[in-house]
Full PDB file with SEQRES, HELIX, SHEET, SSBOND, CRYST1, ORIGX, SCALE, CONECT and MASTER records, all heavy atoms in Angstrom:
SEQRES   1 A   32  THR PRO GLY GLY VAL THR ALA GLU GLY LEU ALA ARG LEU          
SEQRES   2 A   32  GLU SER ALA GLY LEU ARG GLN THR THR LEU SER ALA PHE          
SEQRES   3 A   32  GLU ASN SER LEU ALA LYS                                      
HELIX    1 AA1 VAL A    5  SER A   15  1                                  11    
HELIX    2 AA2 LEU A   18  ALA A   31  1                                  14    
CRYST1    1.000    1.000    1.000  90.00  90.00  90.00 P 1           1          
ORIGX1      1.000000  0.000000  0.000000        0.00000                         
ORIGX2      0.000000  1.000000  0.000000        0.00000                         
ORIGX3      0.000000  0.000000  1.000000        0.00000                         
SCALE1      1.000000  0.000000  0.000000        0.00000                         
SCALE2      0.000000  1.000000  0.000000        0.00000                         
SCALE3      0.000000  0.000000  1.000000        0.00000                         
ATOM      1  N   THR A   1     116.853 101.119  79.167  1.00  0.00           N  
ATOM      2  CA  THR A   1     116.843 101.511  77.760  1.00  0.00           C  
ATOM      3  C   THR A   1     115.625 100.906  77.067  1.00  0.00           C  
ATOM      4  O   THR A   1     115.390  99.703  77.187  1.00  0.00           O  
ATOM      5  CB  THR A   1     118.123 101.001  77.059  1.00  0.00           C  
ATOM      6  OG1 THR A   1     119.253 101.448  77.804  1.00  0.00           O  
ATOM      7  CG2 THR A   1     118.204 101.470  75.637  1.00  0.00           C  
ATOM      8  N   PRO A   2     114.831 101.715  76.353  1.00  0.00           N  
ATOM      9  CA  PRO A   2     113.665 101.165  75.651  1.00  0.00           C  
ATOM     10  C   PRO A   2     114.063  99.981  74.762  1.00  0.00           C  
ATOM     11  O   PRO A   2     115.023 100.063  73.997  1.00  0.00           O  
ATOM     12  CB  PRO A   2     113.170 102.341  74.817  1.00  0.00           C  
ATOM     13  CG  PRO A   2     113.632 103.553  75.585  1.00  0.00           C  
ATOM     14  CD  PRO A   2     114.964 103.158  76.166  1.00  0.00           C  
ATOM     15  N   GLY A   3     113.345  98.882  74.932  1.00  0.00           N  
ATOM     16  CA  GLY A   3     113.634  97.672  74.167  1.00  0.00           C  
ATOM     17  C   GLY A   3     114.783  96.853  74.708  1.00  0.00           C  
ATOM     18  O   GLY A   3     115.094  95.788  74.184  1.00  0.00           O  
ATOM     19  N   GLY A   4     115.425  97.332  75.776  1.00  0.00           N  
ATOM     20  CA  GLY A   4     116.566  96.633  76.357  1.00  0.00           C  
ATOM     21  C   GLY A   4     116.159  95.558  77.352  1.00  0.00           C  
ATOM     22  O   GLY A   4     114.979  95.353  77.648  1.00  0.00           O  
ATOM     23  N   VAL A   5     117.165  94.888  77.864  1.00  0.00           N  
ATOM     24  CA  VAL A   5     116.944  93.784  78.798  1.00  0.00           C  
ATOM     25  C   VAL A   5     116.216  94.246  80.053  1.00  0.00           C  
ATOM     26  O   VAL A   5     115.227  93.631  80.478  1.00  0.00           O  
ATOM     27  CB  VAL A   5     118.301  93.130  79.167  1.00  0.00           C  
ATOM     28  CG1 VAL A   5     118.127  92.086  80.251  1.00  0.00           C  
ATOM     29  CG2 VAL A   5     118.956  92.521  77.936  1.00  0.00           C  
ATOM     30  N   THR A   6     116.683  95.330  80.652  1.00  0.00           N  
ATOM     31  CA  THR A   6     116.052  95.824  81.881  1.00  0.00           C  
ATOM     32  C   THR A   6     114.614  96.238  81.628  1.00  0.00           C  
ATOM     33  O   THR A   6     113.713  95.891  82.400  1.00  0.00           O  
ATOM     34  CB  THR A   6     116.860  97.000  82.464  1.00  0.00           C  
ATOM     35  OG1 THR A   6     118.188  96.546  82.744  1.00  0.00           O  
ATOM     36  CG2 THR A   6     116.228  97.538  83.726  1.00  0.00           C  
ATOM     37  N   ALA A   7     114.374  96.964  80.558  1.00  0.00           N  
ATOM     38  CA  ALA A   7     113.014  97.403  80.233  1.00  0.00           C  
ATOM     39  C   ALA A   7     112.092  96.209  80.006  1.00  0.00           C  
ATOM     40  O   ALA A   7     110.941  96.213  80.454  1.00  0.00           O  
ATOM     41  CB  ALA A   7     113.025  98.310  79.010  1.00  0.00           C  
ATOM     42  N   GLU A   8     112.595  95.190  79.330  1.00  0.00           N  
ATOM     43  CA  GLU A   8     111.771  93.993  79.089  1.00  0.00           C  
ATOM     44  C   GLU A   8     111.438  93.292  80.403  1.00  0.00           C  
ATOM     45  O   GLU A   8     110.300  92.864  80.619  1.00  0.00           O  
ATOM     46  CB  GLU A   8     112.494  93.035  78.149  1.00  0.00           C  
ATOM     47  CG  GLU A   8     112.620  93.543  76.728  1.00  0.00           C  
ATOM     48  CD  GLU A   8     111.288  93.648  75.998  1.00  0.00           C  
ATOM     49  OE1 GLU A   8     110.384  92.820  76.257  1.00  0.00           O  
ATOM     50  OE2 GLU A   8     111.159  94.561  75.173  1.00  0.00           O  
ATOM     51  N   GLY A   9     112.432  93.166  81.278  1.00  0.00           N  
ATOM     52  CA  GLY A   9     112.187  92.536  82.570  1.00  0.00           C  
ATOM     53  C   GLY A   9     111.203  93.325  83.413  1.00  0.00           C  
ATOM     54  O   GLY A   9     110.303  92.752  84.039  1.00  0.00           O  
ATOM     55  N   LEU A  10     111.353  94.634  83.415  1.00  0.00           N  
ATOM     56  CA  LEU A  10     110.435  95.477  84.183  1.00  0.00           C  
ATOM     57  C   LEU A  10     109.014  95.406  83.633  1.00  0.00           C  
ATOM     58  O   LEU A  10     108.040  95.378  84.403  1.00  0.00           O  
ATOM     59  CB  LEU A  10     110.922  96.925  84.196  1.00  0.00           C  
ATOM     60  CG  LEU A  10     112.207  97.171  84.991  1.00  0.00           C  
ATOM     61  CD1 LEU A  10     112.700  98.591  84.770  1.00  0.00           C  
ATOM     62  CD2 LEU A  10     111.993  96.879  86.462  1.00  0.00           C  
ATOM     63  N   ALA A  11     108.886  95.363  82.321  1.00  0.00           N  
ATOM     64  CA  ALA A  11     107.550  95.250  81.710  1.00  0.00           C  
ATOM     65  C   ALA A  11     106.883  93.948  82.134  1.00  0.00           C  
ATOM     66  O   ALA A  11     105.684  93.920  82.439  1.00  0.00           O  
ATOM     67  CB  ALA A  11     107.660  95.331  80.192  1.00  0.00           C  
ATOM     68  N   ARG A  12     107.656  92.881  82.192  1.00  0.00           N  
ATOM     69  CA  ARG A  12     107.109  91.582  82.612  1.00  0.00           C  
ATOM     70  C   ARG A  12     106.662  91.637  84.078  1.00  0.00           C  
ATOM     71  O   ARG A  12     105.597  91.145  84.435  1.00  0.00           O  
ATOM     72  CB  ARG A  12     108.158  90.494  82.391  1.00  0.00           C  
ATOM     73  CG  ARG A  12     107.779  89.147  82.874  1.00  0.00           C  
ATOM     74  CD  ARG A  12     106.672  88.574  82.051  1.00  0.00           C  
ATOM     75  NE  ARG A  12     106.391  87.240  82.561  1.00  0.00           N  
ATOM     76  CZ  ARG A  12     105.398  86.502  82.177  1.00  0.00           C  
ATOM     77  NH1 ARG A  12     104.589  86.941  81.242  1.00  0.00           N  
ATOM     78  NH2 ARG A  12     105.200  85.323  82.683  1.00  0.00           N  
ATOM     79  N   LEU A  13     107.487  92.256  84.911  1.00  0.00           N  
ATOM     80  CA  LEU A  13     107.121  92.389  86.320  1.00  0.00           C  
ATOM     81  C   LEU A  13     105.855  93.221  86.490  1.00  0.00           C  
ATOM     82  O   LEU A  13     104.976  92.874  87.289  1.00  0.00           O  
ATOM     83  CB  LEU A  13     108.272  93.016  87.110  1.00  0.00           C  
ATOM     84  CG  LEU A  13     109.497  92.135  87.317  1.00  0.00           C  
ATOM     85  CD1 LEU A  13     110.656  92.971  87.872  1.00  0.00           C  
ATOM     86  CD2 LEU A  13     109.188  90.968  88.228  1.00  0.00           C  
ATOM     87  N   GLU A  14     105.760  94.312  85.763  1.00  0.00           N  
ATOM     88  CA  GLU A  14     104.570  95.158  85.839  1.00  0.00           C  
ATOM     89  C   GLU A  14     103.327  94.407  85.366  1.00  0.00           C  
ATOM     90  O   GLU A  14     102.274  94.491  85.992  1.00  0.00           O  
ATOM     91  CB  GLU A  14     104.759  96.439  85.026  1.00  0.00           C  
ATOM     92  CG  GLU A  14     105.707  97.433  85.652  1.00  0.00           C  
ATOM     93  CD  GLU A  14     105.195  98.048  86.952  1.00  0.00           C  
ATOM     94  OE1 GLU A  14     103.981  98.073  87.196  1.00  0.00           O  
ATOM     95  OE2 GLU A  14     106.042  98.511  87.729  1.00  0.00           O  
ATOM     96  N   SER A  15     103.450  93.671  84.270  1.00  0.00           N  
ATOM     97  CA  SER A  15     102.289  92.941  83.748  1.00  0.00           C  
ATOM     98  C   SER A  15     101.856  91.826  84.693  1.00  0.00           C  
ATOM     99  O   SER A  15     100.694  91.425  84.684  1.00  0.00           O  
ATOM    100  CB  SER A  15     102.575  92.382  82.352  1.00  0.00           C  
ATOM    101  OG  SER A  15     103.493  91.314  82.407  1.00  0.00           O  
ATOM    102  N   ALA A  16     102.775  91.356  85.515  1.00  0.00           N  
ATOM    103  CA  ALA A  16     102.447  90.309  86.486  1.00  0.00           C  
ATOM    104  C   ALA A  16     101.929  90.892  87.804  1.00  0.00           C  
ATOM    105  O   ALA A  16     101.608  90.145  88.727  1.00  0.00           O  
ATOM    106  CB  ALA A  16     103.675  89.434  86.745  1.00  0.00           C  
ATOM    107  N   GLY A  17     101.851  92.224  87.885  1.00  0.00           N  
ATOM    108  CA  GLY A  17     101.267  92.852  89.060  1.00  0.00           C  
ATOM    109  C   GLY A  17     102.246  93.232  90.159  1.00  0.00           C  
ATOM    110  O   GLY A  17     101.851  93.359  91.320  1.00  0.00           O  
ATOM    111  N   LEU A  18     103.515  93.432  89.819  1.00  0.00           N  
ATOM    112  CA  LEU A  18     104.513  93.762  90.840  1.00  0.00           C  
ATOM    113  C   LEU A  18     104.128  94.984  91.655  1.00  0.00           C  
ATOM    114  O   LEU A  18     104.188  94.964  92.891  1.00  0.00           O  
ATOM    115  CB  LEU A  18     105.890  93.989  90.206  1.00  0.00           C  
ATOM    116  CG  LEU A  18     106.962  94.459  91.189  1.00  0.00           C  
ATOM    117  CD1 LEU A  18     107.328  93.351  92.150  1.00  0.00           C  
ATOM    118  CD2 LEU A  18     108.176  94.970  90.460  1.00  0.00           C  
ATOM    119  N   ARG A  19     103.733  96.048  90.997  1.00  0.00           N  
ATOM    120  CA  ARG A  19     103.428  97.291  91.715  1.00  0.00           C  
ATOM    121  C   ARG A  19     102.297  97.076  92.724  1.00  0.00           C  
ATOM    122  O   ARG A  19     102.422  97.421  93.900  1.00  0.00           O  
ATOM    123  CB  ARG A  19     103.055  98.411  90.741  1.00  0.00           C  
ATOM    124  CG  ARG A  19     102.763  99.736  91.429  1.00  0.00           C  
ATOM    125  CD  ARG A  19     102.473 100.834  90.412  1.00  0.00           C  
ATOM    126  NE  ARG A  19     103.546 100.966  89.451  1.00  0.00           N  
ATOM    127  CZ  ARG A  19     104.636 101.722  89.629  1.00  0.00           C  
ATOM    128  NH1 ARG A  19     104.762 102.416  90.721  1.00  0.00           N  
ATOM    129  NH2 ARG A  19     105.566 101.781  88.711  1.00  0.00           N  
ATOM    130  N   GLN A  20     101.186  96.504  92.283  1.00  0.00           N  
ATOM    131  CA  GLN A  20     100.052  96.321  93.185  1.00  0.00           C  
ATOM    132  C   GLN A  20     100.377  95.338  94.306  1.00  0.00           C  
ATOM    133  O   GLN A  20      99.999  95.554  95.459  1.00  0.00           O  
ATOM    134  CB  GLN A  20      98.808  95.862  92.417  1.00  0.00           C  
ATOM    135  CG  GLN A  20      97.564  95.844  93.271  1.00  0.00           C  
ATOM    136  CD  GLN A  20      97.282  97.182  93.957  1.00  0.00           C  
ATOM    137  OE1 GLN A  20      97.353  98.240  93.354  1.00  0.00           O  
ATOM    138  NE2 GLN A  20      96.988  97.146  95.246  1.00  0.00           N  
ATOM    139  N   THR A  21     101.089  94.282  93.988  1.00  0.00           N  
ATOM    140  CA  THR A  21     101.471  93.303  95.005  1.00  0.00           C  
ATOM    141  C   THR A  21     102.381  93.946  96.044  1.00  0.00           C  
ATOM    142  O   THR A  21     102.226  93.732  97.248  1.00  0.00           O  
ATOM    143  CB  THR A  21     102.164  92.098  94.349  1.00  0.00           C  
ATOM    144  OG1 THR A  21     101.251  91.489  93.436  1.00  0.00           O  
ATOM    145  CG2 THR A  21     102.599  91.078  95.377  1.00  0.00           C  
ATOM    146  N   THR A  22     103.334  94.754  95.595  1.00  0.00           N  
ATOM    147  CA  THR A  22     104.257  95.424  96.503  1.00  0.00           C  
ATOM    148  C   THR A  22     103.519  96.425  97.388  1.00  0.00           C  
ATOM    149  O   THR A  22     103.741  96.482  98.609  1.00  0.00           O  
ATOM    150  CB  THR A  22     105.375  96.127  95.710  1.00  0.00           C  
ATOM    151  OG1 THR A  22     106.038  95.150  94.896  1.00  0.00           O  
ATOM    152  CG2 THR A  22     106.380  96.793  96.625  1.00  0.00           C  
ATOM    153  N   LEU A  23     102.632  97.207  96.799  1.00  0.00           N  
ATOM    154  CA  LEU A  23     101.843  98.159  97.581  1.00  0.00           C  
ATOM    155  C   LEU A  23     101.012  97.435  98.638  1.00  0.00           C  
ATOM    156  O   LEU A  23     100.961  97.857  99.799  1.00  0.00           O  
ATOM    157  CB  LEU A  23     100.929  98.974  96.665  1.00  0.00           C  
ATOM    158  CG  LEU A  23     101.617  99.984  95.758  1.00  0.00           C  
ATOM    159  CD1 LEU A  23     100.615 100.553  94.753  1.00  0.00           C  
ATOM    160  CD2 LEU A  23     102.256 101.097  96.559  1.00  0.00           C  
ATOM    161  N   SER A  24     100.375  96.362  98.247  1.00  0.00           N  
ATOM    162  CA  SER A  24      99.542  95.601  99.172  1.00  0.00           C  
ATOM    163  C   SER A  24     100.376  95.012 100.313  1.00  0.00           C  
ATOM    164  O   SER A  24      99.978  95.073 101.482  1.00  0.00           O  
ATOM    165  CB  SER A  24      98.817  94.486  98.415  1.00  0.00           C  
ATOM    166  OG  SER A  24      98.055  93.694  99.289  1.00  0.00           O  
ATOM    167  N   ALA A  25     101.534  94.451  99.980  1.00  0.00           N  
ATOM    168  CA  ALA A  25     102.407  93.874 101.009  1.00  0.00           C  
ATOM    169  C   ALA A  25     102.861  94.950 101.994  1.00  0.00           C  
ATOM    170  O   ALA A  25     102.855  94.740 103.215  1.00  0.00           O  
ATOM    171  CB  ALA A  25     103.612  93.192 100.361  1.00  0.00           C  
ATOM    172  N   PHE A  26     103.255  96.107 101.474  1.00  0.00           N  
ATOM    173  CA  PHE A  26     103.700  97.202 102.338  1.00  0.00           C  
ATOM    174  C   PHE A  26     102.562  97.679 103.230  1.00  0.00           C  
ATOM    175  O   PHE A  26     102.743  97.872 104.440  1.00  0.00           O  
ATOM    176  CB  PHE A  26     104.249  98.365 101.510  1.00  0.00           C  
ATOM    177  CG  PHE A  26     104.718  99.507 102.358  1.00  0.00           C  
ATOM    178  CD1 PHE A  26     105.943  99.458 102.984  1.00  0.00           C  
ATOM    179  CD2 PHE A  26     103.920 100.623 102.547  1.00  0.00           C  
ATOM    180  CE1 PHE A  26     106.385 100.502 103.785  1.00  0.00           C  
ATOM    181  CE2 PHE A  26     104.342 101.677 103.337  1.00  0.00           C  
ATOM    182  CZ  PHE A  26     105.574 101.611 103.962  1.00  0.00           C  
ATOM    183  N   GLU A  27     101.386  97.880 102.654  1.00  0.00           N  
ATOM    184  CA  GLU A  27     100.242  98.363 103.431  1.00  0.00           C  
ATOM    185  C   GLU A  27      99.867  97.361 104.523  1.00  0.00           C  
ATOM    186  O   GLU A  27      99.572  97.752 105.659  1.00  0.00           O  
ATOM    187  CB  GLU A  27      99.061  98.642 102.507  1.00  0.00           C  
ATOM    188  CG  GLU A  27      99.299  99.866 101.628  1.00  0.00           C  
ATOM    189  CD  GLU A  27      98.352  99.961 100.445  1.00  0.00           C  
ATOM    190  OE1 GLU A  27      97.490  99.071 100.264  1.00  0.00           O  
ATOM    191  OE2 GLU A  27      98.502 100.936  99.674  1.00  0.00           O  
ATOM    192  N   ASN A  28      99.898  96.076 104.202  1.00  0.00           N  
ATOM    193  CA  ASN A  28      99.587  95.055 105.204  1.00  0.00           C  
ATOM    194  C   ASN A  28     100.628  95.031 106.315  1.00  0.00           C  
ATOM    195  O   ASN A  28     100.285  94.914 107.499  1.00  0.00           O  
ATOM    196  CB  ASN A  28      99.479  93.673 104.560  1.00  0.00           C  
ATOM    197  CG  ASN A  28      98.222  93.509 103.748  1.00  0.00           C  
ATOM    198  OD1 ASN A  28      97.273  94.266 103.863  1.00  0.00           O  
ATOM    199  ND2 ASN A  28      98.211  92.511 102.892  1.00  0.00           N  
ATOM    200  N   SER A  29     101.910  95.149 105.940  1.00  0.00           N  
ATOM    201  CA  SER A  29     102.975  95.162 106.940  1.00  0.00           C  
ATOM    202  C   SER A  29     102.871  96.386 107.832  1.00  0.00           C  
ATOM    203  O   SER A  29     103.055  96.308 109.052  1.00  0.00           O  
ATOM    204  CB  SER A  29     104.341  95.118 106.260  1.00  0.00           C  
ATOM    205  OG  SER A  29     104.510  93.889 105.588  1.00  0.00           O  
ATOM    206  N   LEU A  30     102.573  97.529 107.235  1.00  0.00           N  
ATOM    207  CA  LEU A  30     102.435  98.761 108.000  1.00  0.00           C  
ATOM    208  C   LEU A  30     101.253  98.657 108.970  1.00  0.00           C  
ATOM    209  O   LEU A  30     101.347  99.058 110.143  1.00  0.00           O  
ATOM    210  CB  LEU A  30     102.261  99.958 107.079  1.00  0.00           C  
ATOM    211  CG  LEU A  30     102.276 101.334 107.712  1.00  0.00           C  
ATOM    212  CD1 LEU A  30     103.547 101.572 108.509  1.00  0.00           C  
ATOM    213  CD2 LEU A  30     102.114 102.408 106.640  1.00  0.00           C  
ATOM    214  N   ALA A  31     100.149  98.097 108.516  1.00  0.00           N  
ATOM    215  CA  ALA A  31      98.994  97.908 109.398  1.00  0.00           C  
ATOM    216  C   ALA A  31      99.350  96.995 110.559  1.00  0.00           C  
ATOM    217  O   ALA A  31      98.949  97.249 111.705  1.00  0.00           O  
ATOM    218  CB  ALA A  31      97.823  97.341 108.602  1.00  0.00           C  
ATOM    219  N   LYS A  32     100.115  95.935 110.300  1.00  0.00           N  
ATOM    220  CA  LYS A  32     100.539  95.029 111.355  1.00  0.00           C  
ATOM    221  C   LYS A  32     101.425  95.765 112.351  1.00  0.00           C  
ATOM    222  O   LYS A  32     101.263  95.624 113.554  1.00  0.00           O  
ATOM    223  CB  LYS A  32     101.281  93.840 110.752  1.00  0.00           C  
ATOM    224  CG  LYS A  32     101.831  92.870 111.756  1.00  0.00           C  
ATOM    225  CD  LYS A  32     100.742  92.146 112.498  1.00  0.00           C  
ATOM    226  CE  LYS A  32     101.345  91.103 113.432  1.00  0.00           C  
ATOM    227  NZ  LYS A  32     100.320  90.388 114.172  1.00  0.00           N  
TER     228      LYS A  32                                                      
MASTER        0    0    0    2    0    0    0    6  227    1    0    3          
END                                                                             
């Protein structure tokens, strides 16, 4: 919900680079 607890937590994760970190981890694991 916009402005809700989940949205706030997700925004914090995104601003901390969750998406890019997750993509990088997956790509590295797949390469391995």
